[in-house]
Amino acid sequence: MMKGRANTMIVAFLFGMGIGLLLVYLGWQIYKGNAKYYQLLYGQVLGKKNKDNYISKNHKRFGILYIMLGIIVDALILWFQFN
């Protein structure tokens, strides 16, 4: 019985870390100015289409935001896992 619970916790841990690392990766791509990524995240998720000029001026801020969000998610996952 404990083995099944441990496997579930490992899967949840890896899934949570994967989400955090994905956010860091996407944030880095946005920070570098990769238009595909910030159009996908900002344009599609937030519904702010046709804001290319605004996004191109502020892509570093959006990138840092996503990187910090990914680090916070990973830190919380680690903290809850080992606490």
C-alpha atoms as a PDB file:
ATOM      1  CA  MET A   1       0.000   0.000   0.000  1.00  0.00           C
ATOM      2  CA  MET A   2       2.769   2.449   0.807  1.00  0.00           C
ATOM      3  CA  LYS A   3       4.562   1.696  -2.436  1.00  0.00           C
ATOM      4  CA  GLY A   4       1.604   2.935  -4.500  1.00  0.00           C
ATOM      5  CA  ARG A   5       1.417   6.149  -2.489  1.00  0.00           C
ATOM      6  CA  ALA A   6       5.152   6.698  -2.892  1.00  0.00           C
ATOM      7  CA  ASN A   7       4.890   6.240  -6.656  1.00  0.00           C
ATOM      8  CA  THR A   8       2.056   8.751  -6.780  1.00  0.00           C
ATOM      9  CA  MET A   9       4.131  11.270  -4.827  1.00  0.00           C
ATOM     10  CA  ILE A  10       7.092  10.782  -7.162  1.00  0.00           C
ATOM     11  CA  VAL A  11       4.897  11.343 -10.218  1.00  0.00           C
ATOM     12  CA  ALA A  12       3.339  14.452  -8.649  1.00  0.00           C
ATOM     13  CA  PHE A  13       6.795  15.767  -7.736  1.00  0.00           C
ATOM     14  CA  LEU A  14       8.169  15.242 -11.244  1.00  0.00           C
ATOM     15  CA  PHE A  15       5.055  16.756 -12.825  1.00  0.00           C
ATOM     16  CA  GLY A  16       5.308  19.838 -10.606  1.00  0.00           C
ATOM     17  CA  MET A  17       9.011  20.257 -11.314  1.00  0.00           C
ATOM     18  CA  GLY A  18       8.319  19.856 -15.028  1.00  0.00           C
ATOM     19  CA  ILE A  19       5.768  22.663 -14.947  1.00  0.00           C
ATOM     20  CA  GLY A  20       8.216  24.941 -13.159  1.00  0.00           C
ATOM     21  CA  LEU A  21      11.032  24.129 -15.569  1.00  0.00           C
ATOM     22  CA  LEU A  22       8.701  24.673 -18.528  1.00  0.00           C
ATOM     23  CA  LEU A  23       7.825  28.129 -17.199  1.00  0.00           C
ATOM     24  CA  VAL A  24      11.527  28.949 -16.795  1.00  0.00           C
ATOM     25  CA  TYR A  25      12.220  27.781 -20.369  1.00  0.00           C
ATOM     26  CA  LEU A  26       9.316  29.783 -21.797  1.00  0.00           C
ATOM     27  CA  GLY A  27      10.410  32.813 -19.783  1.00  0.00           C
ATOM     28  CA  TRP A  28      13.935  32.536 -21.165  1.00  0.00           C
ATOM     29  CA  GLN A  29      12.614  32.342 -24.730  1.00  0.00           C
ATOM     30  CA  ILE A  30      10.437  35.413 -24.156  1.00  0.00           C
ATOM     31  CA  TYR A  31      13.336  37.277 -22.533  1.00  0.00           C
ATOM     32  CA  LYS A  32      15.536  36.582 -25.567  1.00  0.00           C
ATOM     33  CA  GLY A  33      12.831  38.072 -27.786  1.00  0.00           C
ATOM     34  CA  ASN A  34      11.592  34.934 -29.524  1.00  0.00           C
ATOM     35  CA  ALA A  35       8.351  36.238 -31.041  1.00  0.00           C
ATOM     36  CA  LYS A  36       6.695  32.801 -31.320  1.00  0.00           C
ATOM     37  CA  TYR A  37       6.717  32.308 -27.574  1.00  0.00           C
ATOM     38  CA  TYR A  38       5.530  35.687 -26.411  1.00  0.00           C
ATOM     39  CA  GLN A  39       2.807  35.785 -29.067  1.00  0.00           C
ATOM     40  CA  LEU A  40       1.633  32.373 -27.882  1.00  0.00           C
ATOM     41  CA  LEU A  41       1.674  33.188 -24.184  1.00  0.00           C
ATOM     42  CA  TYR A  42       0.639  36.821 -24.207  1.00  0.00           C
ATOM     43  CA  GLY A  43      -1.537  36.911 -27.308  1.00  0.00           C
ATOM     44  CA  GLN A  44      -3.381  33.626 -26.951  1.00  0.00           C
ATOM     45  CA  VAL A  45      -3.561  33.195 -23.181  1.00  0.00           C
ATOM     46  CA  LEU A  46      -4.476  36.775 -22.299  1.00  0.00           C
ATOM     47  CA  GLY A  47      -6.388  37.539 -25.493  1.00  0.00           C
ATOM     48  CA  LYS A  48      -4.326  40.640 -26.284  1.00  0.00           C
ATOM     49  CA  LYS A  49      -3.921  40.171 -30.008  1.00  0.00           C
ATOM     50  CA  ASN A  50      -2.298  42.763 -32.264  1.00  0.00           C
ATOM     51  CA  LYS A  51      -0.166  44.239 -29.488  1.00  0.00           C
ATOM     52  CA  ASP A  52       3.171  43.488 -31.174  1.00  0.00           C
ATOM     53  CA  ASN A  53       4.642  46.918 -30.473  1.00  0.00           C
ATOM     54  CA  TYR A  54       3.795  46.735 -26.766  1.00  0.00           C
ATOM     55  CA  ILE A  55       5.086  43.173 -26.479  1.00  0.00           C
ATOM     56  CA  SER A  56       8.329  43.926 -28.295  1.00  0.00           C
ATOM     57  CA  LYS A  57       9.022  46.796 -25.889  1.00  0.00           C
ATOM     58  CA  ASN A  58       8.224  44.768 -22.779  1.00  0.00           C
ATOM     59  CA  HIS A  59       9.313  41.228 -23.669  1.00  0.00           C
ATOM     60  CA  LYS A  60      12.140  41.277 -21.112  1.00  0.00           C
ATOM     61  CA  ARG A  61       9.693  42.075 -18.320  1.00  0.00           C
ATOM     62  CA  PHE A  62       7.376  39.265 -19.403  1.00  0.00           C
ATOM     63  CA  GLY A  63      10.346  36.902 -19.623  1.00  0.00           C
ATOM     64  CA  ILE A  64      11.523  37.752 -16.119  1.00  0.00           C
ATOM     65  CA  LEU A  65       7.967  37.324 -14.850  1.00  0.00           C
ATOM     66  CA  TYR A  66       7.702  33.813 -16.297  1.00  0.00           C
ATOM     67  CA  ILE A  67      11.197  32.864 -15.076  1.00  0.00           C
ATOM     68  CA  MET A  68      10.398  34.023 -11.547  1.00  0.00           C
ATOM     69  CA  LEU A  69       7.051  32.234 -11.622  1.00  0.00           C
ATOM     70  CA  GLY A  70       8.806  29.013 -12.655  1.00  0.00           C
ATOM     71  CA  ILE A  71      11.380  29.369  -9.874  1.00  0.00           C
ATOM     72  CA  ILE A  72       8.637  30.001  -7.309  1.00  0.00           C
ATOM     73  CA  VAL A  73       6.686  26.946  -8.485  1.00  0.00           C
ATOM     74  CA  ASP A  74       9.799  24.762  -8.245  1.00  0.00           C
ATOM     75  CA  ALA A  75      10.708  26.163  -4.821  1.00  0.00           C
ATOM     76  CA  LEU A  76       7.199  25.513  -3.499  1.00  0.00           C
ATOM     77  CA  ILE A  77       7.192  21.969  -4.877  1.00  0.00           C
ATOM     78  CA  LEU A  78      10.559  21.270  -3.242  1.00  0.00           C
ATOM     79  CA  TRP A  79       9.501  22.901   0.022  1.00  0.00           C
ATOM     80  CA  PHE A  80       6.266  20.909   0.272  1.00  0.00           C
ATOM     81  CA  GLN A  81       7.986  17.697  -0.818  1.00  0.00           C
ATOM     82  CA  PHE A  82      10.695  17.792   1.843  1.00  0.00           C
ATOM     83  CA  ASN A  83       8.789  19.489   4.640  1.00  0.00           C
END
